[in-house]
Every structure is written in structure tokens, then in C-alpha cells.
PDB file of N, CA and C in Angstrom:
ATOM      1  N   MET A   1     132.711 112.473  97.632  1.00  0.00           N
ATOM      2  CA  MET A   1     132.414 113.031  96.324  1.00  0.00           C
ATOM      3  C   MET A   1     133.650 112.915  95.437  1.00  0.00           C
ATOM      4  N   VAL A   2     133.505 112.238  94.326  1.00  0.00           N
ATOM      5  CA  VAL A   2     134.623 112.095  93.394  1.00  0.00           C
ATOM      6  C   VAL A   2     134.699 113.316  92.485  1.00  0.00           C
ATOM      7  N   GLU A   3     135.906 113.591  91.999  1.00  0.00           N
ATOM      8  CA  GLU A   3     136.079 114.762  91.149  1.00  0.00           C
ATOM      9  C   GLU A   3     137.202 114.531  90.152  1.00  0.00           C
ATOM     10  N   ARG A   4     137.238 115.408  89.170  1.00  0.00           N
ATOM     11  CA  ARG A   4     138.331 115.384  88.206  1.00  0.00           C
ATOM     12  C   ARG A   4     139.438 116.283  88.734  1.00  0.00           C
ATOM     13  N   ILE A   5     140.642 115.787  88.669  1.00  0.00           N
ATOM     14  CA  ILE A   5     141.832 116.498  89.128  1.00  0.00           C
ATOM     15  C   ILE A   5     142.663 116.876  87.901  1.00  0.00           C
ATOM     16  N   GLN A   6     143.167 118.102  87.861  1.00  0.00           N
ATOM     17  CA  GLN A   6     144.063 118.487  86.775  1.00  0.00           C
ATOM     18  C   GLN A   6     145.488 118.177  87.189  1.00  0.00           C
ATOM     19  N   LEU A   7     146.148 117.351  86.403  1.00  0.00           N
ATOM     20  CA  LEU A   7     147.550 117.035  86.662  1.00  0.00           C
ATOM     21  C   LEU A   7     148.394 118.292  86.494  1.00  0.00           C
ATOM     22  N   ARG A   8     149.461 118.377  87.252  1.00  0.00           N
ATOM     23  CA  ARG A   8     150.351 119.548  87.196  1.00  0.00           C
ATOM     24  C   ARG A   8     151.801 119.099  87.262  1.00  0.00           C
ATOM     25  N   ARG A   9     152.646 119.964  86.740  1.00  0.00           N
ATOM     26  CA  ARG A   9     154.095 119.726  86.820  1.00  0.00           C
ATOM     27  C   ARG A   9     154.744 120.685  87.804  1.00  0.00           C
ATOM     28  N   THR A  10     153.938 121.381  88.567  1.00  0.00           N
ATOM     29  CA  THR A  10     154.436 122.353  89.526  1.00  0.00           C
ATOM     30  C   THR A  10     155.274 121.652  90.599  1.00  0.00           C
ATOM     31  N   LYS A  11     156.402 122.250  90.924  1.00  0.00           N
ATOM     32  CA  LYS A  11     157.277 121.678  91.950  1.00  0.00           C
ATOM     33  C   LYS A  11     156.498 121.514  93.253  1.00  0.00           C
ATOM     34  N   GLY A  12     156.581 120.326  93.820  1.00  0.00           N
ATOM     35  CA  GLY A  12     155.925 120.038  95.079  1.00  0.00           C
ATOM     36  C   GLY A  12     154.506 119.519  94.944  1.00  0.00           C
ATOM     37  N   TRP A  13     153.912 119.600  93.744  1.00  0.00           N
ATOM     38  CA  TRP A  13     152.543 119.111  93.578  1.00  0.00           C
ATOM     39  C   TRP A  13     152.532 117.596  93.620  1.00  0.00           C
ATOM     40  N   ARG A  14     151.585 117.052  94.330  1.00  0.00           N
ATOM     41  CA  ARG A  14     151.413 115.598  94.427  1.00  0.00           C
ATOM     42  C   ARG A  14     149.979 115.252  94.048  1.00  0.00           C
ATOM     43  N   MET A  15     149.828 114.135  93.361  1.00  0.00           N
ATOM     44  CA  MET A  15     148.497 113.677  93.026  1.00  0.00           C
ATOM     45  C   MET A  15     147.799 113.256  94.322  1.00  0.00           C
ATOM     46  N   PRO A  16     146.569 113.736  94.536  1.00  0.00           N
ATOM     47  CA  PRO A  16     145.863 113.379  95.773  1.00  0.00           C
ATOM     48  C   PRO A  16     145.642 111.872  95.880  1.00  0.00           C
ATOM     49  N   GLY A  17     145.473 111.415  97.095  1.00  0.00           N
ATOM     50  CA  GLY A  17     145.147 110.013  97.324  1.00  0.00           C
ATOM     51  C   GLY A  17     143.810 109.675  96.691  1.00  0.00           C
ATOM     52  N   ASN A  18     143.540 108.417  96.503  1.00  0.00           N
ATOM     53  CA  ASN A  18     142.290 107.936  95.917  1.00  0.00           C
ATOM     54  C   ASN A  18     142.076 108.497  94.508  1.00  0.00           C
ATOM     55  N   THR A  19     143.167 108.684  93.780  1.00  0.00           N
ATOM     56  CA  THR A  19     143.096 109.264  92.440  1.00  0.00           C
ATOM     57  C   THR A  19     143.776 108.334  91.433  1.00  0.00           C
ATOM     58  N   VAL A  20     143.130 108.164  90.281  1.00  0.00           N
ATOM     59  CA  VAL A  20     143.676 107.337  89.201  1.00  0.00           C
ATOM     60  C   VAL A  20     144.016 108.250  88.027  1.00  0.00           C
ATOM     61  N   ARG A  21     145.200 108.089  87.493  1.00  0.00           N
ATOM     62  CA  ARG A  21     145.644 108.853  86.329  1.00  0.00           C
ATOM     63  C   ARG A  21     144.979 108.246  85.093  1.00  0.00           C
ATOM     64  N   VAL A  22     144.247 109.090  84.334  1.00  0.00           N
ATOM     65  CA  VAL A  22     143.555 108.618  83.130  1.00  0.00           C
ATOM     66  C   VAL A  22     143.973 109.422  81.898  1.00  0.00           C
ATOM     67  N   CYS A  23     145.173 109.987  81.931  1.00  0.00           N
ATOM     68  CA  CYS A  23     145.645 110.804  80.809  1.00  0.00           C
ATOM     69  C   CYS A  23     145.968 109.912  79.608  1.00  0.00           C
ATOM     70  N   ARG A  24     146.266 110.530  78.502  1.00  0.00           N
ATOM     71  CA  ARG A  24     146.375 109.863  77.207  1.00  0.00           C
ATOM     72  C   ARG A  24     147.291 108.632  77.166  1.00  0.00           C
ATOM     73  N   PRO A  25     148.469 108.599  77.741  1.00  0.00           N
ATOM     74  CA  PRO A  25     149.303 107.392  77.596  1.00  0.00           C
ATOM     75  C   PRO A  25     148.779 106.171  78.354  1.00  0.00           C
ATOM     76  N   THR A  26     147.762 106.351  79.202  1.00  0.00           N
ATOM     77  CA  THR A  26     147.220 105.216  79.955  1.00  0.00           C
ATOM     78  C   THR A  26     146.142 104.509  79.144  1.00  0.00           C
ATOM     79  N   LEU A  27     145.757 103.325  79.582  1.00  0.00           N
ATOM     80  CA  LEU A  27     144.677 102.603  78.912  1.00  0.00           C
ATOM     81  C   LEU A  27     143.342 103.337  79.015  1.00  0.00           C
ATOM     82  N   TRP A  28     143.203 104.250  79.946  1.00  0.00           N
ATOM     83  CA  TRP A  28     141.964 105.020  80.103  1.00  0.00           C
ATOM     84  C   TRP A  28     141.997 106.319  79.308  1.00  0.00           C
ATOM     85  N   GLY A  29     143.080 106.609  78.632  1.00  0.00           N
ATOM     86  CA  GLY A  29     143.232 107.878  77.928  1.00  0.00           C
ATOM     87  C   GLY A  29     142.375 107.991  76.678  1.00  0.00           C
ATOM     88  N   ASN A  30     142.073 109.224  76.294  1.00  0.00           N
ATOM     89  CA  ASN A  30     141.303 109.489  75.082  1.00  0.00           C
ATOM     90  C   ASN A  30     142.249 109.455  73.878  1.00  0.00           C
ATOM     91  N   PRO A  31     142.027 108.528  72.930  1.00  0.00           N
ATOM     92  CA  PRO A  31     142.928 108.444  71.777  1.00  0.00           C
ATOM     93  C   PRO A  31     142.648 109.479  70.691  1.00  0.00           C
ATOM     94  N   PHE A  32     141.632 110.327  70.883  1.00  0.00           N
ATOM     95  CA  PHE A  32     141.243 111.281  69.858  1.00  0.00           C
ATOM     96  C   PHE A  32     141.648 112.713  70.201  1.00  0.00           C
ATOM     97  N   ILE A  33     141.949 113.489  69.166  1.00  0.00           N
ATOM     98  CA  ILE A  33     142.131 114.929  69.308  1.00  0.00           C
ATOM     99  C   ILE A  33     141.291 115.611  68.232  1.00  0.00           C
ATOM    100  N   HIS A  34     140.923 116.856  68.505  1.00  0.00           N
ATOM    101  CA  HIS A  34     140.145 117.668  67.569  1.00  0.00           C
ATOM    102  C   HIS A  34     140.337 119.111  67.978  1.00  0.00           C
ATOM    103  N   GLU A  35     140.261 120.029  67.015  1.00  0.00           N
ATOM    104  CA  GLU A  35     140.373 121.457  67.346  1.00  0.00           C
ATOM    105  C   GLU A  35     139.324 121.862  68.378  1.00  0.00           C
ATOM    106  N   ASP A  36     138.116 121.317  68.234  1.00  0.00           N
ATOM    107  CA  ASP A  36     137.042 121.524  69.216  1.00  0.00           C
ATOM    108  C   ASP A  36     137.112 120.339  70.181  1.00  0.00           C
ATOM    109  N   HIS A  37     137.695 120.574  71.346  1.00  0.00           N
ATOM    110  CA  HIS A  37     137.965 119.488  72.291  1.00  0.00           C
ATOM    111  C   HIS A  37     136.704 118.695  72.635  1.00  0.00           C
ATOM    112  N   SER A  38     135.547 119.336  72.622  1.00  0.00           N
ATOM    113  CA  SER A  38     134.307 118.631  72.950  1.00  0.00           C
ATOM    114  C   SER A  38     134.009 117.541  71.919  1.00  0.00           C
ATOM    115  N   GLN A  39     134.469 117.706  70.676  1.00  0.00           N
ATOM    116  CA  GLN A  39     134.285 116.671  69.653  1.00  0.00           C
ATOM    117  C   GLN A  39     135.106 115.421  69.991  1.00  0.00           C
ATOM    118  N   ALA A  40     136.300 115.620  70.502  1.00  0.00           N
ATOM    119  CA  ALA A  40     137.140 114.490  70.905  1.00  0.00           C
ATOM    120  C   ALA A  40     136.519 113.761  72.099  1.00  0.00           C
ATOM    121  N   VAL A  41     135.928 114.516  73.011  1.00  0.00           N
ATOM    122  CA  VAL A  41     135.264 113.915  74.173  1.00  0.00           C
ATOM    123  C   VAL A  41     134.033 113.132  73.713  1.00  0.00           C
ATOM    124  N   SER A  42     133.269 113.677  72.771  1.00  0.00           N
ATOM    125  CA  SER A  42     132.102 112.967  72.235  1.00  0.00           C
ATOM    126  C   SER A  42     132.513 111.668  71.549  1.00  0.00           C
ATOM    127  N   ALA A  43     133.607 111.709  70.795  1.00  0.00           N
ATOM    128  CA  ALA A  43     134.103 110.501  70.134  1.00  0.00           C
ATOM    129  C   ALA A  43     134.520 109.460  71.171  1.00  0.00           C
ATOM    130  N   PHE A  44     135.139 109.905  72.265  1.00  0.00           N
ATOM    131  CA  PHE A  44     135.523 108.982  73.332  1.00  0.00           C
ATOM    132  C   PHE A  44     134.288 108.325  73.937  1.00  0.00           C
ATOM    133  N   ARG A  45     133.241 109.113  74.160  1.00  0.00           N
ATOM    134  CA  ARG A  45     131.991 108.566  74.714  1.00  0.00           C
ATOM    135  C   ARG A  45     131.444 107.480  73.778  1.00  0.00           C
ATOM    136  N   CYS A  46     131.453 107.734  72.474  1.00  0.00           N
ATOM    137  CA  CYS A  46     130.985 106.739  71.496  1.00  0.00           C
ATOM    138  C   CYS A  46     131.860 105.489  71.523  1.00  0.00           C
ATOM    139  N   LEU A  47     133.165 105.684  71.571  1.00  0.00           N
ATOM    140  CA  LEU A  47     134.097 104.560  71.619  1.00  0.00           C
ATOM    141  C   LEU A  47     133.838 103.694  72.845  1.00  0.00           C
ATOM    142  N   LEU A  48     133.566 104.332  73.963  1.00  0.00           N
ATOM    143  CA  LEU A  48     133.324 103.622  75.211  1.00  0.00           C
ATOM    144  C   LEU A  48     132.047 102.784  75.144  1.00  0.00           C
ATOM    145  N   GLN A  49     131.081 103.213  74.346  1.00  0.00           N
ATOM    146  CA  GLN A  49     129.820 102.480  74.230  1.00  0.00           C
ATOM    147  C   GLN A  49     129.996 101.149  73.528  1.00  0.00           C
ATOM    148  N   GLY A  50     131.036 101.024  72.733  1.00  0.00           N
ATOM    149  CA  GLY A  50     131.311  99.764  72.053  1.00  0.00           C
ATOM    150  C   GLY A  50     130.491  99.600  70.795  1.00  0.00           C
ATOM    151  N   GLY A  51     130.518  98.394  70.276  1.00  0.00           N
ATOM    152  CA  GLY A  51     129.829  98.126  69.026  1.00  0.00           C
ATOM    153  C   GLY A  51     130.610  98.698  67.859  1.00  0.00           C
ATOM    154  N   THR A  52     130.004  98.680  66.698  1.00  0.00           N
ATOM    155  CA  THR A  52     130.643  99.210  65.504  1.00  0.00           C
ATOM    156  C   THR A  52     130.471 100.715  65.484  1.00  0.00           C
ATOM    157  N   GLN A  53     131.567 101.429  65.486  1.00  0.00           N
ATOM    158  CA  GLN A  53     131.549 102.887  65.476  1.00  0.00           C
ATOM    159  C   GLN A  53     132.286 103.372  64.241  1.00  0.00           C
ATOM    160  N   THR A  54     131.805 104.454  63.645  1.00  0.00           N
ATOM    161  CA  THR A  54     132.530 105.090  62.556  1.00  0.00           C
ATOM    162  C   THR A  54     132.765 106.542  62.927  1.00  0.00           C
ATOM    163  N   PHE A  55     133.927 107.028  62.594  1.00  0.00           N
ATOM    164  CA  PHE A  55     134.304 108.398  62.898  1.00  0.00           C
ATOM    165  C   PHE A  55     134.839 109.056  61.638  1.00  0.00           C
ATOM    166  N   SER A  56     134.498 110.315  61.423  1.00  0.00           N
ATOM    167  CA  SER A  56     135.079 111.081  60.314  1.00  0.00           C
ATOM    168  C   SER A  56     136.457 111.541  60.749  1.00  0.00           C
ATOM    169  N   MET A  57     137.465 111.011  60.097  1.00  0.00           N
ATOM    170  CA  MET A  57     138.838 111.278  60.503  1.00  0.00           C
ATOM    171  C   MET A  57     139.559 112.040  59.399  1.00  0.00           C
ATOM    172  N   GLY A  58     140.505 112.875  59.792  1.00  0.00           N
ATOM    173  CA  GLY A  58     141.336 113.558  58.817  1.00  0.00           C
ATOM    174  C   GLY A  58     141.610 114.993  59.216  1.00  0.00           C
ATOM    175  N   PRO A  59     142.293 115.748  58.370  1.00  0.00           N
ATOM    176  CA  PRO A  59     142.600 117.145  58.677  1.00  0.00           C
ATOM    177  C   PRO A  59     141.330 117.950  58.950  1.00  0.00           C
ATOM    178  N   GLY A  60     141.321 118.692  60.042  1.00  0.00           N
ATOM    179  CA  GLY A  60     140.160 119.486  60.426  1.00  0.00           C
ATOM    180  C   GLY A  60     139.061 118.668  61.074  1.00  0.00           C
ATOM    181  N   GLN A  61     139.267 117.359  61.188  1.00  0.00           N
ATOM    182  CA  GLN A  61     138.310 116.467  61.825  1.00  0.00           C
ATOM    183  C   GLN A  61     139.023 115.733  62.959  1.00  0.00           C
ATOM    184  N   LEU A  62     138.395 114.677  63.444  1.00  0.00           N
ATOM    185  CA  LEU A  62     139.047 113.869  64.464  1.00  0.00           C
ATOM    186  C   LEU A  62     140.351 113.302  63.934  1.00  0.00           C
ATOM    187  N   GLN A  63     141.315 113.177  64.841  1.00  0.00           N
ATOM    188  CA  GLN A  63     142.582 112.527  64.515  1.00  0.00           C
ATOM    189  C   GLN A  63     142.983 111.669  65.707  1.00  0.00           C
ATOM    190  N   PHE A  64     143.822 110.674  65.433  1.00  0.00           N
ATOM    191  CA  PHE A  64     144.373 109.895  66.535  1.00  0.00           C
ATOM    192  C   PHE A  64     145.487 110.705  67.172  1.00  0.00           C
ATOM    193  N   ALA A  65     145.486 110.752  68.472  1.00  0.00           N
ATOM    194  CA  ALA A  65     146.453 111.555  69.205  1.00  0.00           C
ATOM    195  C   ALA A  65     147.807 110.858  69.259  1.00  0.00           C
ATOM    196  N   PRO A  66     148.870 111.628  69.003  1.00  0.00           N
ATOM    197  CA  PRO A  66     150.197 111.044  69.226  1.00  0.00           C
ATOM    198  C   PRO A  66     150.348 110.736  70.714  1.00  0.00           C
ATOM    199  N   GLY A  67     150.925 109.638  71.016  1.00  0.00           N
ATOM    200  CA  GLY A  67     151.129 109.284  72.422  1.00  0.00           C
ATOM    201  C   GLY A  67     149.954 108.550  73.046  1.00  0.00           C
ATOM    202  N   ALA A  68     148.895 108.291  72.277  1.00  0.00           N
ATOM    203  CA  ALA A  68     147.774 107.516  72.823  1.00  0.00           C
ATOM    204  C   ALA A  68     148.239 106.085  73.046  1.00  0.00           C
ATOM    205  N   HIS A  69     147.715 105.460  74.078  1.00  0.00           N
ATOM    206  CA  HIS A  69     148.054 104.059  74.340  1.00  0.00           C
ATOM    207  C   HIS A  69     147.551 103.237  73.149  1.00  0.00           C
ATOM    208  N   PRO A  70     148.399 102.426  72.539  1.00  0.00           N
ATOM    209  CA  PRO A  70     147.989 101.707  71.324  1.00  0.00           C
ATOM    210  C   PRO A  70     146.797 100.781  71.523  1.00  0.00           C
ATOM    211  N   ASN A  71     146.609 100.255  72.709  1.00  0.00           N
ATOM    212  CA  ASN A  71     145.497  99.334  72.938  1.00  0.00           C
ATOM    213  C   ASN A  71     144.143 100.027  72.949  1.00  0.00           C
ATOM    214  N   THR A  72     144.107 101.362  73.113  1.00  0.00           N
ATOM    215  CA  THR A  72     142.803 102.042  73.090  1.00  0.00           C
ATOM    216  C   THR A  72     142.200 102.032  71.695  1.00  0.00           C
ATOM    217  N   LEU A  73     142.989 101.679  70.693  1.00  0.00           N
ATOM    218  CA  LEU A  73     142.490 101.645  69.324  1.00  0.00           C
ATOM    219  C   LEU A  73     142.104 100.234  68.881  1.00  0.00           C
ATOM    220  N   LEU A  74     142.248  99.258  69.723  1.00  0.00           N
ATOM    221  CA  LEU A  74     141.867  97.891  69.381  1.00  0.00           C
ATOM    222  C   LEU A  74     140.360  97.716  69.507  1.00  0.00           C
ATOM    223  N   TRP A  75     139.809  96.830  68.701  1.00  0.00           N
ATOM    224  CA  TRP A  75     138.356  96.644  68.695  1.00  0.00           C
ATOM    225  C   TRP A  75     137.823  96.189  70.050  1.00  0.00           C
ATOM    226  N   ALA A  76     138.609  95.486  70.847  1.00  0.00           N
ATOM    227  CA  ALA A  76     138.129  94.957  72.124  1.00  0.00           C
ATOM    228  C   ALA A  76     138.297  95.937  73.283  1.00  0.00           C
ATOM    229  N   TRP A  77     138.864  97.135  73.027  1.00  0.00           N
ATOM    230  CA  TRP A  77     139.108  98.072  74.119  1.00  0.00           C
ATOM    231  C   TRP A  77     137.831  98.440  74.866  1.00  0.00           C
ATOM    232  N   SER A  78     136.754  98.714  74.159  1.00  0.00           N
ATOM    233  CA  SER A  78     135.521  99.142  74.829  1.00  0.00           C
ATOM    234  C   SER A  78     134.980  98.036  75.735  1.00  0.00           C
ATOM    235  N   ASP A  79     135.099  96.778  75.315  1.00  0.00           N
ATOM    236  CA  ASP A  79     134.680  95.674  76.188  1.00  0.00           C
ATOM    237  C   ASP A  79     135.550  95.625  77.440  1.00  0.00           C
ATOM    238  N   TRP A  80     136.865  95.780  77.237  1.00  0.00           N
ATOM    239  CA  TRP A  80     137.778  95.795  78.382  1.00  0.00           C
ATOM    240  C   TRP A  80     137.418  96.945  79.325  1.00  0.00           C
ATOM    241  N   ALA A  81     137.201  98.142  78.759  1.00  0.00           N
ATOM    242  CA  ALA A  81     136.914  99.320  79.579  1.00  0.00           C
ATOM    243  C   ALA A  81     135.625  99.125  80.383  1.00  0.00           C
ATOM    244  N   ARG A  82     134.591  98.631  79.743  1.00  0.00           N
ATOM    245  CA  ARG A  82     133.328  98.440  80.470  1.00  0.00           C
ATOM    246  C   ARG A  82     133.452  97.367  81.545  1.00  0.00           C
ATOM    247  N   SER A  83     134.224  96.321  81.280  1.00  0.00           N
ATOM    248  CA  SER A  83     134.364  95.269  82.291  1.00  0.00           C
ATOM    249  C   SER A  83     135.290  95.679  83.434  1.00  0.00           C
ATOM    250  N   ASN A  84     136.105  96.706  83.222  1.00  0.00           N
ATOM    251  CA  ASN A  84     137.003  97.181  84.280  1.00  0.00           C
ATOM    252  C   ASN A  84     136.585  98.530  84.866  1.00  0.00           C
ATOM    253  N   MET A  85     135.459  99.044  84.438  1.00  0.00           N
ATOM    254  CA  MET A  85     134.978 100.347  84.897  1.00  0.00           C
ATOM    255  C   MET A  85     134.809 100.389  86.418  1.00  0.00           C
ATOM    256  N   HIS A  86     134.476  99.253  87.007  1.00  0.00           N
ATOM    257  CA  HIS A  86     134.287  99.206  88.458  1.00  0.00           C
ATOM    258  C   HIS A  86     135.557  99.618  89.218  1.00  0.00           C
ATOM    259  N   THR A  87     136.734  99.484  88.593  1.00  0.00           N
ATOM    260  CA  THR A  87     137.973  99.862  89.274  1.00  0.00           C
ATOM    261  C   THR A  87     138.094 101.380  89.434  1.00  0.00           C
ATOM    262  N   LEU A  88     137.300 102.136  88.668  1.00  0.00           N
ATOM    263  CA  LEU A  88     137.320 103.596  88.773  1.00  0.00           C
ATOM    264  C   LEU A  88     136.239 104.133  89.713  1.00  0.00           C
ATOM    265  N   ARG A  89     135.305 103.278  90.085  1.00  0.00           N
ATOM    266  CA  ARG A  89     134.199 103.729  90.933  1.00  0.00           C
ATOM    267  C   ARG A  89     134.724 104.259  92.267  1.00  0.00           C
ATOM    268  N   GLY A  90     134.263 105.446  92.625  1.00  0.00           N
ATOM    269  CA  GLY A  90     134.641 106.050  93.902  1.00  0.00           C
ATOM    270  C   GLY A  90     136.016 106.684  93.906  1.00  0.00           C
ATOM    271  N   LYS A  91     136.668 106.728  92.768  1.00  0.00           N
ATOM    272  CA  LYS A  91     138.010 107.316  92.684  1.00  0.00           C
ATOM    273  C   LYS A  91     137.940 108.677  91.990  1.00  0.00           C
ATOM    274  N   ASN A  92     138.856 109.568  92.359  1.00  0.00           N
ATOM    275  CA  ASN A  92     139.057 110.798  91.597  1.00  0.00           C
ATOM    276  C   ASN A  92     139.836 110.407  90.347  1.00  0.00           C
ATOM    277  N   LEU A  93     139.626 111.149  89.257  1.00  0.00           N
ATOM    278  CA  LEU A  93     140.334 110.852  88.017  1.00  0.00           C
ATOM    279  C   LEU A  93     141.173 112.053  87.619  1.00  0.00           C
ATOM    280  N   ALA A  94     142.417 111.809  87.259  1.00  0.00           N
ATOM    281  CA  ALA A  94     143.356 112.885  86.943  1.00  0.00           C
ATOM    282  C   ALA A  94     143.727 112.879  85.470  1.00  0.00           C
ATOM    283  N   CYS A  95     143.634 114.063  84.865  1.00  0.00           N
ATOM    284  CA  CYS A  95     143.977 114.269  83.461  1.00  0.00           C
ATOM    285  C   CYS A  95     144.612 115.649  83.328  1.00  0.00           C
ATOM    286  N   TRP A  96     145.195 115.936  82.168  1.00  0.00           N
ATOM    287  CA  TRP A  96     145.838 117.218  81.933  1.00  0.00           C
ATOM    288  C   TRP A  96     144.859 118.309  81.506  1.00  0.00           C
ATOM    289  N   CYS A  97     143.638 117.963  81.150  1.00  0.00           N
ATOM    290  CA  CYS A  97     142.659 118.965  80.690  1.00  0.00           C
ATOM    291  C   CYS A  97     142.387 119.992  81.786  1.00  0.00           C
ATOM    292  N   ARG A  98     142.171 121.231  81.350  1.00  0.00           N
ATOM    293  CA  ARG A  98     141.849 122.288  82.311  1.00  0.00           C
ATOM    294  C   ARG A  98     140.486 122.031  82.932  1.00  0.00           C
ATOM    295  N   LEU A  99     140.368 122.322  84.206  1.00  0.00           N
ATOM    296  CA  LEU A  99     139.086 122.187  84.893  1.00  0.00           C
ATOM    297  C   LEU A  99     138.097 123.157  84.265  1.00  0.00           C
ATOM    298  N   GLY A 100     136.868 122.728  84.123  1.00  0.00           N
ATOM    299  CA  GLY A 100     135.845 123.567  83.517  1.00  0.00           C
ATOM    300  C   GLY A 100     135.734 123.389  82.014  1.00  0.00           C
ATOM    301  N   GLU A 101     136.676 122.694  81.395  1.00  0.00           N
ATOM    302  CA  GLU A 101     136.624 122.398  79.965  1.00  0.00           C
ATOM    303  C   GLU A 101     136.229 120.936  79.779  1.00  0.00           C
ATOM    304  N   PRO A 102     135.662 120.595  78.611  1.00  0.00           N
ATOM    305  CA  PRO A 102     135.284 119.198  78.379  1.00  0.00           C
ATOM    306  C   PRO A 102     136.492 118.270  78.512  1.00  0.00           C
ATOM    307  N   CYS A 103     136.268 117.118  79.112  1.00  0.00           N
ATOM    308  CA  CYS A 103     137.345 116.148  79.316  1.00  0.00           C
ATOM    309  C   CYS A 103     136.755 114.748  79.336  1.00  0.00           C
ATOM    310  N   HIS A 104     137.469 113.800  78.757  1.00  0.00           N
ATOM    311  CA  HIS A 104     136.994 112.421  78.757  1.00  0.00           C
ATOM    312  C   HIS A 104     136.917 111.862  80.177  1.00  0.00           C
ATOM    313  N   ALA A 105     137.687 112.427  81.105  1.00  0.00           N
ATOM    314  CA  ALA A 105     137.630 111.963  82.499  1.00  0.00           C
ATOM    315  C   ALA A 105     136.247 112.203  83.089  1.00  0.00           C
ATOM    316  N   ASP A 106     135.566 113.262  82.636  1.00  0.00           N
ATOM    317  CA  ASP A 106     134.194 113.506  83.098  1.00  0.00           C
ATOM    318  C   ASP A 106     133.271 112.378  82.639  1.00  0.00           C
ATOM    319  N   VAL A 107     133.490 111.892  81.423  1.00  0.00           N
ATOM    320  CA  VAL A 107     132.708 110.760  80.904  1.00  0.00           C
ATOM    321  C   VAL A 107     132.977 109.530  81.762  1.00  0.00           C
ATOM    322  N   LEU A 108     134.251 109.267  82.037  1.00  0.00           N
ATOM    323  CA  LEU A 108     134.608 108.109  82.870  1.00  0.00           C
ATOM    324  C   LEU A 108     134.014 108.229  84.269  1.00  0.00           C
ATOM    325  N   LEU A 109     134.073 109.421  84.861  1.00  0.00           N
ATOM    326  CA  LEU A 109     133.484 109.621  86.189  1.00  0.00           C
ATOM    327  C   LEU A 109     131.994 109.311  86.174  1.00  0.00           C
ATOM    328  N   GLN A 110     131.316 109.797  85.152  1.00  0.00           N
ATOM    329  CA  GLN A 110     129.881 109.578  85.052  1.00  0.00           C
ATOM    330  C   GLN A 110     129.551 108.099  84.901  1.00  0.00           C
ATOM    331  N   VAL A 111     130.226 107.433  83.978  1.00  0.00           N
ATOM    332  CA  VAL A 111     129.939 106.029  83.726  1.00  0.00           C
ATOM    333  C   VAL A 111     130.335 105.156  84.919  1.00  0.00           C
ATOM    334  N   ALA A 112     131.499 105.383  85.471  1.00  0.00           N
ATOM    335  CA  ALA A 112     131.997 104.555  86.569  1.00  0.00           C
ATOM    336  C   ALA A 112     131.151 104.680  87.823  1.00  0.00           C
ATOM    337  N   ASN A 113     130.538 105.826  88.025  1.00  0.00           N
ATOM    338  CA  ASN A 113     129.781 106.058  89.261  1.00  0.00           C
ATOM    339  C   ASN A 113     128.276 106.001  89.058  1.00  0.00           C
ATOM    340  N   THR A 114     127.855 105.402  87.935  1.00  0.00           N
ATOM    341  CA  THR A 114     126.434 105.178  87.698  1.00  0.00           C
ATOM    342  C   THR A 114     125.991 104.028  88.590  1.00  0.00           C
ATOM    343  N   PRO A 115     124.928 104.217  89.365  1.00  0.00           N
ATOM    344  CA  PRO A 115     124.502 103.177  90.311  1.00  0.00           C
ATOM    345  C   PRO A 115     124.157 101.833  89.667  1.00  0.00           C
ATOM    346  N   THR A 116     123.792 101.816  88.389  1.00  0.00           N
ATOM    347  CA  THR A 116     123.375 100.567  87.755  1.00  0.00           C
ATOM    348  C   THR A 116     124.534  99.737  87.211  1.00  0.00           C
ATOM    349  N   LEU A 117     125.752 100.202  87.418  1.00  0.00           N
ATOM    350  CA  LEU A 117     126.920  99.455  86.951  1.00  0.00           C
ATOM    351  C   LEU A 117     126.943  98.081  87.624  1.00  0.00           C
ATOM    352  N   ASP A 118     127.097  97.022  86.837  1.00  0.00           N
ATOM    353  CA  ASP A 118     126.994  95.653  87.354  1.00  0.00           C
ATOM    354  C   ASP A 118     128.101  95.256  88.305  1.00  0.00           C
ATOM    355  N   LYS A 119     129.342  95.637  87.999  1.00  0.00           N
ATOM    356  CA  LYS A 119     130.461  95.161  88.824  1.00  0.00           C
ATOM    357  C   LYS A 119     130.852  96.183  89.847  1.00  0.00           C
TER     358      LYS A 119
END
């Protein structure tokens, strides 16, 4: 059973085996932030779907996160992500989001472990 792992800075904490880091500075990171974290997760889900997407951006709305991997904002990122999604299948995913709160890693877990995934 795969799960989302919360990254920690606690002395002695180690990332479990079979776990991929998907936090913001990685290519799998969510480039969006919003006061309502679920809005940023929804935007990530839309971005992952590909195609032409429009987002309402600005103060009080979605914003690009400082420290996001620059390639997540390129038009071809969603194609890259979908073609490499198989590399996440069967792996735990680690992010800084608190467990029980919305997180883009949950979206990645769902998509990567969908039985109909081609690769």
C-alpha cells in the first residue's frame, strides 16, 4: 500500500525506503500557492491534465510559489509528467504538507497508481 509521507527535519528522521520526494523544488512539485491550499492542489490537478489551461492569478488568488522548479511552468511539463508517471507507481511520495490536509502528492499517488496507466 503506497502512502504520502510528511518530510521532517527532526534529528534522526530518515525518509522511508521506496519513497520519492515530490516537494516543490523537484520536477514533481506543485508550482502554485494559495491561501486555501486546496485551491493550489486543484490547480496542480488541472496542470497535470495538460492542454490549454487558464488560471486566475494575482493577490488573493493563485500565485507561483517561490522555489518552484522552473520547468514545472513550461508548456511541455504536463506531457513530461504523464509520460513519466509510471516511475511513481508503487512508490510512497514525500512532501512537506501535513498529513490529513490537501496535498498535490495525493493527486500524484492517485494518478500514478491508476490501473489504466499505459506505461
